[in-house]
Amino acid sequence: MLHHFLVHAAFQTSRWLPRDQRLKFQLVLFIFVVLFLAPQFYVLSRPKTSRYCEKPLLNNLIAFIVFSFVATGLAIALTLTDPVPKSIRVAFHLFGLFAFIQGLCTAILTLSAPQCAKTTTELYIFSLVVSWACILSTAFFLVRGGLCLIHRLFPHWLRDTCLWG
């Protein structure tokens, strides 16, 4: 859910700005994307990464990079459109489901591959960091979803915390 969290953060941050300054935000978003993709490509380009590891951490890294590019496109689409069309909202939530599945796979693969720490050190450390980031972002959305559910059941208890409502 890390990618879903990043798209969500970009969307919420862009809404703080006036509409005429959102194009400037795209420059900040571009810099952030470059900084986010740099470690991924660094780990991919390391000679140790191509060594043998019993678990498919390298395949998972490639899937993570693909998700990063999709998240970038979705973040751009969400930050430039106002109001956000229903089709983009649906795509955002479907992307969140797939990002959750990808984060779950990352965590399972990483936690079941401690032997890869010796053969593919950078790849294993990167996977470990990403796994924790996915776990923390999932916890964020669980809390947010719980607050949204409370808001739906008891509308006067909380302020509006739902993205879709």
Protein backbone atom coordinates (compact mmCIF):
# COMPACT_ATOMS: atom_id res chain seq x y z
CA MET A 1 0.00 0.00 0.00
CA LEU A 2 3.03 2.24 -0.09
CA HIS A 3 2.30 3.37 -3.64
CA HIS A 4 -1.35 3.96 -2.79
CA PHE A 5 -0.25 6.04 0.21
CA LEU A 6 2.09 8.13 -1.95
CA VAL A 7 -0.64 8.84 -4.51
CA HIS A 8 -3.04 9.69 -1.69
CA ALA A 9 -0.47 12.06 -0.14
CA ALA A 10 0.14 13.76 -3.49
CA PHE A 11 -3.61 14.21 -4.00
CA GLN A 12 -4.20 15.63 -0.52
CA THR A 13 -1.18 17.94 -0.76
CA SER A 14 -2.26 19.28 -4.15
CA ARG A 15 -5.67 20.18 -2.73
CA TRP A 16 -4.06 22.58 -0.28
CA LEU A 17 -2.87 24.71 -3.21
CA PRO A 18 -4.99 27.03 -5.32
CA ARG A 19 -5.90 25.66 -8.75
CA ASP A 20 -3.58 28.04 -10.59
CA GLN A 21 -0.54 26.82 -8.61
CA ARG A 22 -1.08 23.09 -9.08
CA LEU A 23 1.08 23.06 -12.18
CA LYS A 24 3.99 24.23 -10.01
CA PHE A 25 3.24 21.31 -7.74
CA GLN A 26 3.92 19.00 -10.69
CA LEU A 27 7.56 20.12 -10.62
CA VAL A 28 7.79 19.20 -6.94
CA LEU A 29 6.07 15.90 -7.72
CA PHE A 30 8.59 15.22 -10.51
CA ILE A 31 11.52 15.82 -8.13
CA PHE A 32 9.93 13.53 -5.56
CA VAL A 33 9.40 10.79 -8.16
CA VAL A 34 13.05 10.99 -9.23
CA LEU A 35 14.13 10.74 -5.58
CA PHE A 36 11.76 7.80 -5.03
CA LEU A 37 12.87 5.90 -8.15
CA ALA A 38 16.62 6.50 -7.70
CA PRO A 39 17.16 3.90 -4.93
CA GLN A 40 15.09 1.37 -6.85
CA PHE A 41 17.22 1.70 -9.96
CA TYR A 42 20.37 1.83 -7.85
CA VAL A 43 19.54 -1.53 -6.25
CA LEU A 44 18.55 -2.94 -9.66
CA SER A 45 21.87 -1.88 -11.18
CA ARG A 46 24.09 -3.33 -8.43
CA PRO A 47 26.15 -6.37 -9.48
CA LYS A 48 25.15 -8.28 -6.31
CA THR A 49 21.47 -7.95 -7.23
CA SER A 50 21.86 -10.33 -10.17
CA ARG A 51 23.25 -13.09 -7.95
CA TYR A 52 21.13 -16.06 -7.04
CA CYS A 53 18.57 -15.72 -4.29
CA GLU A 54 16.13 -18.53 -3.46
CA LYS A 55 13.17 -16.15 -3.32
CA PRO A 56 12.17 -13.97 -6.30
CA LEU A 57 13.16 -10.66 -4.69
CA LEU A 58 14.52 -9.38 -8.01
CA ASN A 59 11.19 -10.01 -9.73
CA ASN A 60 9.47 -8.26 -6.85
CA LEU A 61 11.78 -5.26 -7.25
CA ILE A 62 10.86 -5.03 -10.93
CA ALA A 63 7.15 -5.19 -10.04
CA PHE A 64 7.77 -2.48 -7.44
CA ILE A 65 9.35 -0.26 -10.10
CA VAL A 66 6.36 -0.82 -12.41
CA PHE A 67 4.00 0.10 -9.56
CA SER A 68 6.08 3.25 -8.99
CA PHE A 69 5.55 4.35 -12.59
CA VAL A 70 1.81 3.61 -12.43
CA ALA A 71 1.61 5.53 -9.14
CA THR A 72 3.34 8.47 -10.80
CA GLY A 73 0.80 8.55 -13.62
CA LEU A 74 -2.10 8.23 -11.23
CA ALA A 75 -0.72 10.99 -9.00
CA ILE A 76 -0.42 13.31 -11.98
CA ALA A 77 -3.96 12.50 -13.10
CA LEU A 78 -5.38 13.06 -9.62
CA THR A 79 -3.53 16.30 -8.95
CA LEU A 80 -4.41 17.93 -12.27
CA THR A 81 -8.12 17.12 -12.42
CA ASP A 82 -10.66 18.96 -10.34
CA PRO A 83 -13.21 17.61 -9.67
CA VAL A 84 -11.86 14.09 -9.92
CA PRO A 85 -13.98 11.97 -12.29
CA LYS A 86 -15.51 8.78 -10.96
CA SER A 87 -13.44 6.65 -13.34
CA ILE A 88 -10.17 8.02 -11.90
CA ARG A 89 -11.47 7.49 -8.36
CA VAL A 90 -12.31 3.88 -9.20
CA ALA A 91 -8.86 3.42 -10.75
CA PHE A 92 -7.31 4.92 -7.60
CA HIS A 93 -9.11 2.44 -5.34
CA LEU A 94 -8.38 -0.54 -7.62
CA PHE A 95 -4.75 0.53 -7.65
CA GLY A 96 -4.90 0.55 -3.85
CA LEU A 97 -6.11 -3.05 -3.86
CA PHE A 98 -3.30 -4.13 -6.19
CA ALA A 99 -0.77 -2.12 -4.18
CA PHE A 100 -1.95 -3.92 -1.04
CA ILE A 101 -1.46 -7.30 -2.72
CA GLN A 102 1.97 -6.26 -3.98
CA GLY A 103 2.97 -5.00 -0.53
CA LEU A 104 1.75 -8.24 1.04
CA CYS A 105 3.82 -10.24 -1.45
CA THR A 106 6.84 -8.05 -0.71
CA ALA A 107 6.52 -8.60 3.02
CA ILE A 108 6.00 -12.35 2.68
CA LEU A 109 8.90 -12.77 0.24
CA THR A 110 11.24 -10.66 2.33
CA LEU A 111 10.39 -12.29 5.65
CA SER A 112 10.81 -15.74 4.13
CA ALA A 113 14.20 -14.95 2.55
CA PRO A 114 16.69 -14.17 5.32
CA GLN A 115 19.30 -16.28 3.52
CA CYS A 116 19.27 -13.72 0.69
CA ALA A 117 20.86 -11.17 3.05
CA LYS A 118 24.22 -12.85 2.37
CA THR A 119 23.96 -13.30 -1.40
CA THR A 120 22.03 -10.18 -2.45
CA THR A 121 22.60 -7.74 0.39
CA GLU A 122 21.33 -4.51 -1.22
CA LEU A 123 18.26 -6.20 -2.64
CA TYR A 124 17.38 -7.80 0.70
CA ILE A 125 17.85 -4.55 2.65
CA PHE A 126 15.78 -2.63 0.11
CA SER A 127 13.05 -5.28 0.30
CA LEU A 128 13.12 -5.13 4.08
CA VAL A 129 12.74 -1.33 4.11
CA VAL A 130 9.95 -1.47 1.54
CA SER A 131 8.19 -4.21 3.50
CA TRP A 132 8.12 -2.05 6.63
CA ALA A 133 6.95 0.95 4.61
CA CYS A 134 4.12 -1.16 3.16
CA ILE A 135 3.14 -2.38 6.62
CA LEU A 136 3.09 1.18 8.01
CA SER A 137 1.08 2.54 5.09
CA THR A 138 -1.40 -0.32 5.44
CA ALA A 139 -1.78 0.57 9.12
CA PHE A 140 -2.42 4.18 8.10
CA PHE A 141 -5.24 3.14 5.77
CA LEU A 142 -6.71 0.77 8.36
CA VAL A 143 -6.94 3.63 10.86
CA ARG A 144 -8.29 5.97 8.17
CA GLY A 145 -10.84 3.36 7.08
CA GLY A 146 -11.90 2.83 10.69
CA LEU A 147 -12.41 6.57 11.14
CA CYS A 148 -14.37 6.70 7.90
CA LEU A 149 -16.56 3.82 9.05
CA ILE A 150 -17.22 5.58 12.35
CA HIS A 151 -18.08 8.73 10.40
CA ARG A 152 -20.56 6.81 8.23
CA LEU A 153 -22.21 5.10 11.19
CA PHE A 154 -22.13 8.11 13.53
CA PRO A 155 -21.94 11.23 11.33
CA HIS A 156 -21.70 13.76 14.15
CA TRP A 157 -18.74 12.19 15.97
CA LEU A 158 -15.93 13.04 13.55
CA ARG A 159 -15.17 15.54 10.86
CA ASP A 160 -15.07 14.29 7.27
CA THR A 161 -12.13 11.87 6.96
CA CYS A 162 -13.19 9.98 3.85
CA LEU A 163 -11.55 10.55 0.47
CA TRP A 164 -14.55 9.31 -1.46
CA GLY A 165 -17.33 11.02 0.49
